[in-house]
N, C-alpha and C. Protein backbone atom coordinates (compact mmCIF):
# COMPACT_ATOMS: atom_id res chain seq x y z
N MET A 1 -7.16 8.40 -0.52
CA MET A 1 -5.92 8.22 0.19
C MET A 1 -6.10 7.13 1.23
N LEU A 2 -4.99 6.56 1.62
CA LEU A 2 -5.00 5.48 2.60
C LEU A 2 -4.62 6.01 3.97
N GLY A 3 -5.23 5.43 5.00
CA GLY A 3 -4.84 5.76 6.36
C GLY A 3 -3.52 5.09 6.72
N SER A 4 -2.96 5.47 7.84
CA SER A 4 -1.64 4.95 8.21
C SER A 4 -1.67 3.43 8.45
N LEU A 5 -2.70 2.92 9.10
CA LEU A 5 -2.76 1.48 9.33
C LEU A 5 -3.02 0.73 8.03
N GLU A 6 -3.84 1.30 7.14
CA GLU A 6 -4.05 0.68 5.82
C GLU A 6 -2.73 0.60 5.06
N THR A 7 -1.94 1.65 5.16
CA THR A 7 -0.63 1.68 4.49
C THR A 7 0.28 0.61 5.06
N GLU A 8 0.28 0.46 6.38
CA GLU A 8 1.11 -0.58 7.01
C GLU A 8 0.67 -1.98 6.61
N VAL A 9 -0.63 -2.21 6.58
CA VAL A 9 -1.16 -3.53 6.18
C VAL A 9 -0.78 -3.82 4.73
N LEU A 10 -0.94 -2.84 3.87
CA LEU A 10 -0.59 -3.03 2.46
C LEU A 10 0.91 -3.28 2.30
N GLY A 11 1.74 -2.58 3.07
CA GLY A 11 3.18 -2.79 3.03
C GLY A 11 3.57 -4.20 3.47
N ALA A 12 2.93 -4.67 4.54
CA ALA A 12 3.20 -6.03 5.01
C ALA A 12 2.78 -7.05 3.97
N LEU A 13 1.63 -6.82 3.35
CA LEU A 13 1.15 -7.75 2.31
C LEU A 13 2.10 -7.75 1.12
N ARG A 14 2.62 -6.59 0.75
CA ARG A 14 3.57 -6.53 -0.37
C ARG A 14 4.82 -7.36 -0.07
N GLU A 15 5.28 -7.31 1.16
CA GLU A 15 6.45 -8.11 1.55
C GLU A 15 6.16 -9.61 1.45
N LEU A 16 4.93 -9.99 1.78
CA LEU A 16 4.54 -11.40 1.73
C LEU A 16 4.15 -11.85 0.33
N ASP A 17 3.79 -10.93 -0.52
CA ASP A 17 3.32 -11.15 -1.88
C ASP A 17 1.89 -11.66 -1.92
N GLU A 18 1.58 -12.69 -1.17
CA GLU A 18 0.23 -13.23 -1.10
C GLU A 18 0.08 -13.91 0.25
N ALA A 19 -1.03 -13.60 0.96
CA ALA A 19 -1.18 -14.17 2.30
C ALA A 19 -2.59 -13.99 2.82
N PRO A 20 -3.00 -14.87 3.73
CA PRO A 20 -4.27 -14.66 4.44
C PRO A 20 -4.07 -13.60 5.53
N ALA A 21 -5.16 -13.12 6.08
CA ALA A 21 -5.11 -12.07 7.09
C ALA A 21 -4.23 -12.46 8.29
N ARG A 22 -4.29 -13.72 8.69
CA ARG A 22 -3.51 -14.17 9.84
C ARG A 22 -2.01 -13.96 9.62
N ASP A 23 -1.51 -14.27 8.43
CA ASP A 23 -0.08 -14.08 8.13
C ASP A 23 0.28 -12.60 8.04
N VAL A 24 -0.64 -11.80 7.54
CA VAL A 24 -0.39 -10.35 7.48
C VAL A 24 -0.29 -9.80 8.90
N ARG A 25 -1.17 -10.27 9.79
CA ARG A 25 -1.11 -9.83 11.19
C ARG A 25 0.22 -10.21 11.83
N LYS A 26 0.70 -11.41 11.55
CA LYS A 26 2.00 -11.85 12.09
C LYS A 26 3.14 -10.98 11.56
N ALA A 27 3.07 -10.63 10.27
CA ALA A 27 4.11 -9.77 9.67
C ALA A 27 4.08 -8.38 10.31
N LEU A 28 2.90 -7.87 10.58
CA LEU A 28 2.78 -6.57 11.25
C LEU A 28 3.36 -6.65 12.65
N ASP A 29 3.09 -7.74 13.34
CA ASP A 29 3.61 -7.92 14.70
C ASP A 29 5.14 -7.91 14.70
N LYS A 30 5.75 -8.56 13.70
CA LYS A 30 7.21 -8.57 13.58
C LYS A 30 7.76 -7.17 13.32
N ARG A 31 6.96 -6.33 12.68
CA ARG A 31 7.36 -4.94 12.43
C ARG A 31 7.14 -4.04 13.65
N GLY A 32 6.54 -4.59 14.68
CA GLY A 32 6.27 -3.80 15.88
C GLY A 32 4.88 -3.18 15.91
N THR A 33 4.02 -3.55 14.97
CA THR A 33 2.66 -3.04 14.94
C THR A 33 1.73 -4.13 15.44
N ARG A 34 1.22 -3.95 16.64
CA ARG A 34 0.36 -4.97 17.26
C ARG A 34 -1.10 -4.58 17.04
N VAL A 35 -1.80 -5.38 16.26
CA VAL A 35 -3.22 -5.19 16.01
C VAL A 35 -3.92 -6.54 16.06
N ALA A 36 -5.20 -6.50 16.31
CA ALA A 36 -5.99 -7.73 16.37
C ALA A 36 -6.18 -8.31 14.97
N TYR A 37 -6.35 -9.61 14.94
CA TYR A 37 -6.62 -10.30 13.67
C TYR A 37 -7.85 -9.70 12.99
N THR A 38 -8.90 -9.44 13.76
CA THR A 38 -10.14 -8.91 13.18
C THR A 38 -9.91 -7.54 12.55
N THR A 39 -9.02 -6.75 13.14
CA THR A 39 -8.70 -5.44 12.58
C THR A 39 -8.02 -5.60 11.23
N VAL A 40 -7.06 -6.52 11.16
CA VAL A 40 -6.36 -6.76 9.89
C VAL A 40 -7.33 -7.27 8.83
N ALA A 41 -8.20 -8.20 9.21
CA ALA A 41 -9.18 -8.74 8.26
C ALA A 41 -10.11 -7.63 7.75
N THR A 42 -10.53 -6.74 8.63
CA THR A 42 -11.39 -5.63 8.22
C THR A 42 -10.66 -4.69 7.27
N ILE A 43 -9.41 -4.37 7.59
CA ILE A 43 -8.63 -3.47 6.73
C ILE A 43 -8.41 -4.09 5.36
N LEU A 44 -8.09 -5.38 5.33
CA LEU A 44 -7.90 -6.05 4.04
C LEU A 44 -9.18 -6.03 3.22
N SER A 45 -10.30 -6.22 3.88
CA SER A 45 -11.58 -6.16 3.18
C SER A 45 -11.84 -4.76 2.62
N ARG A 46 -11.51 -3.74 3.39
CA ARG A 46 -11.66 -2.36 2.91
C ARG A 46 -10.70 -2.06 1.75
N LEU A 47 -9.48 -2.57 1.84
CA LEU A 47 -8.53 -2.39 0.74
C LEU A 47 -9.03 -3.09 -0.51
N TYR A 48 -9.68 -4.23 -0.33
CA TYR A 48 -10.28 -4.94 -1.47
C TYR A 48 -11.38 -4.08 -2.09
N ASP A 49 -12.23 -3.49 -1.26
CA ASP A 49 -13.30 -2.63 -1.75
C ASP A 49 -12.76 -1.42 -2.51
N LYS A 50 -11.58 -0.94 -2.10
CA LYS A 50 -10.94 0.21 -2.75
C LYS A 50 -10.15 -0.18 -3.99
N GLY A 51 -10.06 -1.49 -4.26
CA GLY A 51 -9.32 -1.96 -5.43
C GLY A 51 -7.82 -2.02 -5.23
N MET A 52 -7.37 -1.94 -3.98
CA MET A 52 -5.94 -1.94 -3.70
C MET A 52 -5.37 -3.35 -3.55
N VAL A 53 -6.23 -4.33 -3.26
CA VAL A 53 -5.79 -5.72 -3.16
C VAL A 53 -6.77 -6.60 -3.92
N ARG A 54 -6.31 -7.76 -4.29
CA ARG A 54 -7.14 -8.80 -4.90
C ARG A 54 -7.25 -9.92 -3.87
N ARG A 55 -8.24 -10.78 -4.03
CA ARG A 55 -8.36 -11.92 -3.11
C ARG A 55 -8.96 -13.12 -3.82
N ARG A 56 -8.67 -14.26 -3.25
CA ARG A 56 -9.25 -15.51 -3.74
C ARG A 56 -9.62 -16.34 -2.52
N ARG A 57 -10.61 -17.21 -2.69
CA ARG A 57 -11.01 -18.11 -1.61
C ARG A 57 -10.11 -19.33 -1.61
N GLU A 58 -9.84 -19.81 -0.42
CA GLU A 58 -9.00 -20.99 -0.26
C GLU A 58 -9.60 -21.85 0.85
N THR A 59 -9.65 -23.15 0.61
CA THR A 59 -10.12 -24.07 1.64
C THR A 59 -9.01 -24.22 2.67
N CYS A 60 -9.40 -24.16 3.92
CA CYS A 60 -8.42 -24.34 5.00
C CYS A 60 -9.06 -25.14 6.11
N ARG A 61 -8.28 -25.48 7.09
CA ARG A 61 -8.78 -26.23 8.23
C ARG A 61 -9.90 -25.41 8.89
N GLY A 62 -11.07 -25.95 8.94
CA GLY A 62 -12.18 -25.25 9.57
C GLY A 62 -13.08 -24.50 8.59
N GLY A 63 -12.79 -24.55 7.30
CA GLY A 63 -13.67 -23.88 6.34
C GLY A 63 -12.93 -23.23 5.20
N GLU A 64 -13.25 -21.97 4.95
CA GLU A 64 -12.62 -21.22 3.87
C GLU A 64 -12.07 -19.91 4.40
N ARG A 65 -11.12 -19.35 3.67
CA ARG A 65 -10.57 -18.05 4.01
C ARG A 65 -10.17 -17.34 2.73
N TYR A 66 -9.98 -16.04 2.84
CA TYR A 66 -9.47 -15.28 1.71
C TYR A 66 -7.95 -15.22 1.79
N VAL A 67 -7.33 -15.31 0.63
CA VAL A 67 -5.90 -15.08 0.51
C VAL A 67 -5.76 -13.82 -0.35
N TYR A 68 -5.05 -12.85 0.18
CA TYR A 68 -4.94 -11.54 -0.46
C TYR A 68 -3.60 -11.36 -1.16
N ARG A 69 -3.60 -10.53 -2.18
CA ARG A 69 -2.36 -10.10 -2.84
C ARG A 69 -2.55 -8.66 -3.27
N PRO A 70 -1.46 -7.89 -3.31
CA PRO A 70 -1.58 -6.49 -3.72
C PRO A 70 -2.04 -6.39 -5.18
N ALA A 71 -2.90 -5.44 -5.44
CA ALA A 71 -3.32 -5.18 -6.82
C ALA A 71 -2.24 -4.34 -7.48
N ASP A 72 -2.16 -4.42 -8.76
CA ASP A 72 -1.15 -3.67 -9.51
C ASP A 72 -1.68 -2.26 -9.78
N VAL A 73 -1.73 -1.45 -8.73
CA VAL A 73 -2.29 -0.10 -8.84
C VAL A 73 -1.32 0.98 -8.37
N GLU A 74 -0.10 0.58 -8.05
CA GLU A 74 0.83 1.52 -7.45
C GLU A 74 1.05 2.75 -8.33
N GLN A 75 1.31 2.56 -9.60
CA GLN A 75 1.56 3.71 -10.48
C GLN A 75 0.34 4.62 -10.52
N LYS A 76 -0.84 4.03 -10.68
CA LYS A 76 -2.07 4.82 -10.73
C LYS A 76 -2.26 5.59 -9.42
N TYR A 77 -2.00 4.95 -8.30
CA TYR A 77 -2.15 5.59 -6.99
C TYR A 77 -1.17 6.76 -6.85
N LEU A 78 0.09 6.53 -7.21
CA LEU A 78 1.09 7.60 -7.09
C LEU A 78 0.76 8.79 -7.99
N ILE A 79 0.34 8.52 -9.19
CA ILE A 79 -0.01 9.61 -10.11
C ILE A 79 -1.21 10.39 -9.57
N ASN A 80 -2.21 9.69 -9.06
CA ASN A 80 -3.37 10.37 -8.48
C ASN A 80 -2.97 11.20 -7.26
N LEU A 81 -2.04 10.68 -6.48
CA LEU A 81 -1.54 11.42 -5.33
C LEU A 81 -0.84 12.70 -5.77
N LEU A 82 -0.02 12.60 -6.82
CA LEU A 82 0.66 13.79 -7.33
C LEU A 82 -0.34 14.80 -7.89
N ARG A 83 -1.35 14.32 -8.59
CA ARG A 83 -2.39 15.22 -9.10
C ARG A 83 -3.13 15.91 -7.96
N GLY A 84 -3.31 15.18 -6.86
CA GLY A 84 -3.96 15.76 -5.70
C GLY A 84 -3.15 16.89 -5.09
N VAL A 85 -1.82 16.73 -5.07
CA VAL A 85 -0.94 17.79 -4.56
C VAL A 85 -1.09 19.03 -5.43
N VAL A 86 -1.08 18.84 -6.74
CA VAL A 86 -1.22 19.96 -7.67
C VAL A 86 -2.58 20.63 -7.49
N ALA A 87 -3.64 19.83 -7.38
CA ALA A 87 -4.99 20.39 -7.25
C ALA A 87 -5.16 21.14 -5.93
N MET A 88 -4.59 20.62 -4.86
CA MET A 88 -4.77 21.25 -3.54
C MET A 88 -3.87 22.47 -3.33
N PHE A 89 -2.64 22.40 -3.84
CA PHE A 89 -1.67 23.43 -3.51
C PHE A 89 -1.19 24.25 -4.68
N GLY A 90 -1.57 23.88 -5.90
CA GLY A 90 -1.20 24.65 -7.08
C GLY A 90 0.30 24.70 -7.30
N PRO A 91 0.78 25.78 -7.90
CA PRO A 91 2.21 25.91 -8.21
C PRO A 91 3.11 25.79 -6.99
N ALA A 92 2.68 26.30 -5.85
CA ALA A 92 3.51 26.21 -4.64
C ALA A 92 3.72 24.75 -4.24
N GLY A 93 2.69 23.93 -4.42
CA GLY A 93 2.81 22.51 -4.11
C GLY A 93 3.80 21.81 -5.02
N VAL A 94 3.78 22.18 -6.30
CA VAL A 94 4.71 21.59 -7.27
C VAL A 94 6.15 21.97 -6.90
N VAL A 95 6.36 23.24 -6.55
CA VAL A 95 7.70 23.70 -6.15
C VAL A 95 8.18 22.92 -4.93
N HIS A 96 7.32 22.79 -3.93
CA HIS A 96 7.69 22.06 -2.72
C HIS A 96 7.98 20.59 -3.03
N LEU A 97 7.15 19.98 -3.86
CA LEU A 97 7.36 18.58 -4.24
C LEU A 97 8.71 18.41 -4.94
N ASN A 98 9.04 19.31 -5.84
CA ASN A 98 10.34 19.25 -6.52
C ASN A 98 11.49 19.39 -5.53
N GLU A 99 11.32 20.27 -4.54
CA GLU A 99 12.36 20.44 -3.52
C GLU A 99 12.55 19.15 -2.72
N GLU A 100 11.44 18.48 -2.39
CA GLU A 100 11.53 17.24 -1.64
C GLU A 100 12.16 16.13 -2.47
N ILE A 101 11.83 16.06 -3.75
CA ILE A 101 12.42 15.05 -4.63
C ILE A 101 13.92 15.28 -4.75
N ALA A 102 14.33 16.54 -4.78
CA ALA A 102 15.76 16.86 -4.88
C ALA A 102 16.52 16.37 -3.65
N LYS A 103 15.86 16.19 -2.53
CA LYS A 103 16.50 15.72 -1.30
C LYS A 103 16.70 14.20 -1.28
N LEU A 104 16.06 13.49 -2.20
CA LEU A 104 16.18 12.03 -2.23
C LEU A 104 17.60 11.64 -2.63
N ASN A 105 18.06 10.52 -2.11
CA ASN A 105 19.34 10.03 -2.59
C ASN A 105 19.11 9.41 -3.97
N PRO A 106 20.16 9.23 -4.76
CA PRO A 106 19.98 8.76 -6.14
C PRO A 106 19.20 7.46 -6.28
N SER A 107 19.40 6.51 -5.36
CA SER A 107 18.67 5.24 -5.49
C SER A 107 17.18 5.43 -5.21
N GLU A 108 16.84 6.31 -4.26
CA GLU A 108 15.42 6.58 -3.98
C GLU A 108 14.76 7.28 -5.16
N GLU A 109 15.48 8.19 -5.77
CA GLU A 109 14.93 8.89 -6.94
C GLU A 109 14.72 7.92 -8.11
N ARG A 110 15.69 7.04 -8.33
CA ARG A 110 15.55 6.03 -9.39
C ARG A 110 14.34 5.14 -9.13
N GLU A 111 14.15 4.74 -7.86
CA GLU A 111 13.01 3.89 -7.51
C GLU A 111 11.69 4.62 -7.75
N LEU A 112 11.62 5.89 -7.38
CA LEU A 112 10.42 6.68 -7.62
C LEU A 112 10.14 6.79 -9.12
N ARG A 113 11.17 7.07 -9.90
CA ARG A 113 11.00 7.17 -11.36
C ARG A 113 10.56 5.83 -11.95
N ARG A 114 11.12 4.73 -11.43
CA ARG A 114 10.73 3.41 -11.90
C ARG A 114 9.26 3.15 -11.60
N ARG A 115 8.83 3.48 -10.40
CA ARG A 115 7.44 3.24 -10.02
C ARG A 115 6.46 4.08 -10.82
N LEU A 116 6.90 5.27 -11.21
CA LEU A 116 6.03 6.14 -12.04
C LEU A 116 6.23 5.89 -13.52
N GLU A 117 7.11 4.94 -13.84
CA GLU A 117 7.44 4.60 -15.24
C GLU A 117 7.88 5.83 -16.03
N LEU A 118 8.78 6.62 -15.38
CA LEU A 118 9.31 7.81 -16.04
C LEU A 118 10.63 7.51 -16.76
N ASP A 119 11.22 6.41 -16.44
CA ASP A 119 12.49 6.02 -17.09
C ASP A 119 12.28 4.81 -17.98
């Protein structure tokens, strides 16, 4: 599972599609999340180690840097998350999950189904 700051960094990167750590930090700042550049760079490196982002080297003023992009793992991550709910909470977890899904508005439910490739 991802921590809250990892989730925010990944969300900012998804909005940018592809970016170096400096641009991700600026995007987070615009969202109201103030963190140091080094923190963002460390989180992106950890997300890379977890297979959640891809990166490539790019020449820039002063040397080289990594440019990150989200890995195509969302469906796998969501399915593993759902399996974790079932494993941890059993039938009661499934019932609760269904109740929460029923509370979604139609567009949110469609988006969830699209991401899980259920439709």
